[in-house]
Amino acid sequence: MSDQPLPPPAPGQGPIPPQQIIIQQKKGGTWWKVLLVLFGLLVLGTAGCVALIGGAAKEVSDSIDEAEDQRAADEALVEDNAVVTACVLAEFGTATATVEFTNPLDEEKGYVSIEVGFLDDEGTVVGSGTVVFENLSPGQKAVGEATAFDLADGTTSVNCEVTDGTVF
């Protein structure tokens, strides 16, 4: 453009309209915007995945906790429904306990294990034995024997009690 003034309008013509200067901006930096949008999407996608995995992990953890609580409750029921009906000191450092058990659980379990503690007259544990019941239906009664094979030396009498119940 020149710096010379515009000529005056010709006679009979009106004033010269003002001229407009149009400046076009160079279209640069678009790729930065694209990268910024892609980075934002990456951050949002990662956060979504982390939230999804965290939620799934909590569900699994809650399910495991619930199963452990149910197992503990079942085992407490087993212990409460196992009764020692006889406890006999035998020869050669052994003793036998007869255990009567009625399955209190609402479903059949593969195995129920009941541990019996053999105690001397002072209440000190001098031996232990286990009786296992297999595939008992709910309400089914069974009788089994638990034997302690290596009683403490000098044991002259024993008392027996249920010390643990396990469901598996």
Protein backbone atom coordinates (compact mmCIF):
# COMPACT_ATOMS: atom_id res chain seq x y z
CA MET A 1 0.00 0.00 0.00
CA SER A 2 1.17 3.49 -0.68
CA ASP A 3 1.21 6.31 1.77
CA GLN A 4 -0.21 8.79 -0.73
CA PRO A 5 -3.54 10.38 0.02
CA LEU A 6 -6.55 9.35 -2.03
CA PRO A 7 -7.50 11.69 -4.87
CA PRO A 8 -10.54 13.87 -4.29
CA PRO A 9 -13.80 12.56 -5.65
CA ALA A 10 -14.68 13.40 -9.19
CA PRO A 11 -17.29 16.10 -9.65
CA GLY A 12 -20.77 14.69 -9.28
CA GLN A 13 -19.67 11.78 -7.21
CA GLY A 14 -20.31 11.52 -3.54
CA PRO A 15 -17.68 11.08 -0.94
CA ILE A 16 -15.36 8.15 -1.31
CA PRO A 17 -16.43 5.30 0.94
CA PRO A 18 -13.90 4.32 3.56
CA GLN A 19 -11.75 1.41 2.62
CA GLN A 20 -11.66 -1.71 4.70
CA ILE A 21 -8.48 -3.50 5.36
CA ILE A 22 -8.88 -7.22 5.92
CA ILE A 23 -6.08 -8.90 7.75
CA GLN A 24 -6.00 -12.66 7.60
CA GLN A 25 -4.53 -14.38 10.57
CA LYS A 26 -2.19 -17.18 9.96
CA LYS A 27 -3.79 -20.44 11.10
CA GLY A 28 -1.03 -21.91 13.19
CA GLY A 29 -1.06 -23.80 16.54
CA THR A 30 -4.03 -26.01 15.67
CA TRP A 31 -1.99 -29.13 16.35
CA TRP A 32 -1.43 -27.91 19.94
CA LYS A 33 -5.18 -27.77 20.43
CA VAL A 34 -5.55 -31.29 19.02
CA LEU A 35 -2.82 -32.55 21.34
CA LEU A 36 -4.42 -30.82 24.31
CA VAL A 37 -7.80 -32.42 23.54
CA LEU A 38 -6.18 -35.86 23.09
CA PHE A 39 -4.30 -35.47 26.38
CA GLY A 40 -7.54 -34.49 28.12
CA LEU A 41 -9.28 -37.57 26.72
CA LEU A 42 -6.38 -39.75 27.84
CA VAL A 43 -6.57 -38.37 31.38
CA LEU A 44 -10.35 -38.87 31.51
CA GLY A 45 -10.07 -42.40 30.09
CA THR A 46 -7.39 -43.34 32.59
CA ALA A 47 -9.40 -41.93 35.49
CA GLY A 48 -12.45 -43.88 34.31
CA CYS A 49 -10.48 -47.12 34.13
CA VAL A 50 -9.03 -46.58 37.59
CA ALA A 51 -12.50 -45.91 38.99
CA LEU A 52 -13.90 -49.01 37.27
CA ILE A 53 -11.10 -51.25 38.56
CA GLY A 54 -11.39 -49.75 42.04
CA GLY A 55 -15.12 -50.43 42.11
CA ALA A 56 -14.64 -54.02 40.96
CA ALA A 57 -11.91 -54.58 43.56
CA LYS A 58 -14.23 -53.31 46.31
CA GLU A 59 -16.99 -55.67 45.16
CA VAL A 60 -14.59 -58.62 45.24
CA SER A 61 -13.30 -57.59 48.67
CA ASP A 62 -16.85 -57.25 50.03
CA SER A 63 -17.75 -60.67 48.60
CA ILE A 64 -14.70 -62.27 50.23
CA ASP A 65 -15.49 -60.60 53.56
CA GLU A 66 -19.08 -61.84 53.37
CA ALA A 67 -17.94 -65.41 52.61
CA GLU A 68 -15.46 -65.32 55.52
CA ASP A 69 -18.16 -64.04 57.88
CA GLN A 70 -20.53 -66.82 56.74
CA ARG A 71 -17.82 -69.45 57.22
CA ALA A 72 -17.07 -68.18 60.74
CA ALA A 73 -20.79 -68.29 61.57
CA ASP A 74 -21.08 -71.84 60.17
CA GLU A 75 -18.07 -72.99 62.19
CA ALA A 76 -19.50 -71.50 65.39
CA LEU A 77 -22.72 -73.44 64.73
CA VAL A 78 -20.72 -76.63 64.21
CA GLU A 79 -18.94 -76.19 67.54
CA ASP A 80 -22.25 -75.50 69.31
CA ASN A 81 -23.84 -78.65 67.88
CA ALA A 82 -21.03 -81.09 68.65
CA VAL A 83 -21.28 -82.85 71.99
CA VAL A 84 -18.72 -85.15 73.61
CA THR A 85 -20.75 -88.09 74.93
CA ALA A 86 -17.82 -90.19 76.20
CA CYS A 87 -14.17 -89.59 77.03
CA VAL A 88 -12.00 -92.62 77.83
CA LEU A 89 -8.33 -92.92 78.75
CA ALA A 90 -6.94 -95.98 77.03
CA GLU A 91 -3.68 -97.88 77.20
CA PHE A 92 -0.29 -96.75 75.94
CA GLY A 93 -0.87 -92.99 76.21
CA THR A 94 -4.02 -92.79 74.11
CA ALA A 95 -7.55 -91.57 74.76
CA THR A 96 -10.78 -91.62 72.77
CA ALA A 97 -13.69 -89.19 72.72
CA THR A 98 -17.07 -90.05 71.26
CA VAL A 99 -18.63 -87.03 69.55
CA GLU A 100 -22.28 -86.71 68.60
CA PHE A 101 -23.02 -84.11 65.97
CA THR A 102 -26.22 -82.85 64.37
CA ASN A 103 -25.70 -80.76 61.24
CA PRO A 104 -27.20 -77.32 62.00
CA LEU A 105 -26.33 -75.87 58.61
CA ASP A 106 -28.96 -75.16 55.99
CA GLU A 107 -27.06 -77.03 53.30
CA GLU A 108 -24.89 -80.10 52.95
CA LYS A 109 -21.18 -79.41 53.28
CA GLY A 110 -18.45 -81.70 51.97
CA TYR A 111 -16.72 -82.17 55.30
CA VAL A 112 -17.17 -81.01 58.86
CA SER A 113 -14.17 -81.41 61.13
CA ILE A 114 -14.50 -81.24 64.91
CA GLU A 115 -11.42 -80.96 67.09
CA VAL A 116 -11.52 -82.34 70.62
CA GLY A 117 -9.15 -81.28 73.37
CA PHE A 118 -8.09 -83.86 75.97
CA LEU A 119 -7.44 -82.20 79.34
CA ASP A 120 -5.98 -83.44 82.60
CA ASP A 121 -7.59 -82.81 86.00
CA GLU A 122 -6.05 -79.31 86.20
CA GLY A 123 -7.50 -78.34 82.80
CA THR A 124 -4.17 -78.49 80.96
CA VAL A 125 -4.39 -79.77 77.40
CA VAL A 126 -2.54 -83.09 77.24
CA GLY A 127 -3.63 -84.13 73.75
CA SER A 128 -6.04 -83.52 70.90
CA GLY A 129 -7.92 -85.47 68.28
CA THR A 130 -10.19 -84.81 65.34
CA VAL A 131 -13.33 -86.43 64.03
CA VAL A 132 -14.47 -85.74 60.46
CA PHE A 133 -18.02 -86.08 59.21
CA GLU A 134 -18.62 -86.26 55.47
CA ASN A 135 -21.63 -85.08 53.44
CA LEU A 136 -24.16 -84.67 56.25
CA SER A 137 -27.55 -83.33 55.21
CA PRO A 138 -29.12 -80.51 57.23
CA GLY A 139 -30.44 -81.91 60.51
CA GLN A 140 -28.68 -85.25 60.05
CA LYS A 141 -27.13 -86.73 63.20
CA ALA A 142 -23.84 -88.63 63.25
CA VAL A 143 -21.50 -90.10 65.85
CA GLY A 144 -17.73 -90.34 65.49
CA GLU A 145 -14.59 -90.85 67.53
CA ALA A 146 -11.60 -88.59 68.02
CA THR A 147 -8.42 -90.21 69.31
CA ALA A 148 -5.41 -88.62 70.97
CA PHE A 149 -2.43 -90.88 70.32
CA ASP A 150 0.35 -89.15 72.25
CA LEU A 151 -0.97 -87.94 75.58
CA ALA A 152 1.43 -86.10 77.84
CA ASP A 153 3.49 -88.40 80.05
CA GLY A 154 1.96 -89.16 83.43
CA THR A 155 -1.64 -88.56 82.34
CA THR A 156 -3.86 -90.59 84.64
CA SER A 157 -7.28 -89.19 83.69
CA VAL A 158 -8.75 -87.03 80.95
CA ASN A 159 -11.69 -84.78 80.32
CA CYS A 160 -12.73 -83.95 76.77
CA GLU A 161 -14.20 -80.83 75.18
CA VAL A 162 -14.89 -79.57 71.69
CA THR A 163 -12.28 -76.92 70.87
CA ASP A 164 -12.89 -76.15 67.21
CA GLY A 165 -15.18 -76.80 64.27
CA THR A 166 -14.21 -76.42 60.65
CA VAL A 167 -16.39 -76.55 57.54
CA PHE A 168 -14.82 -77.38 54.18
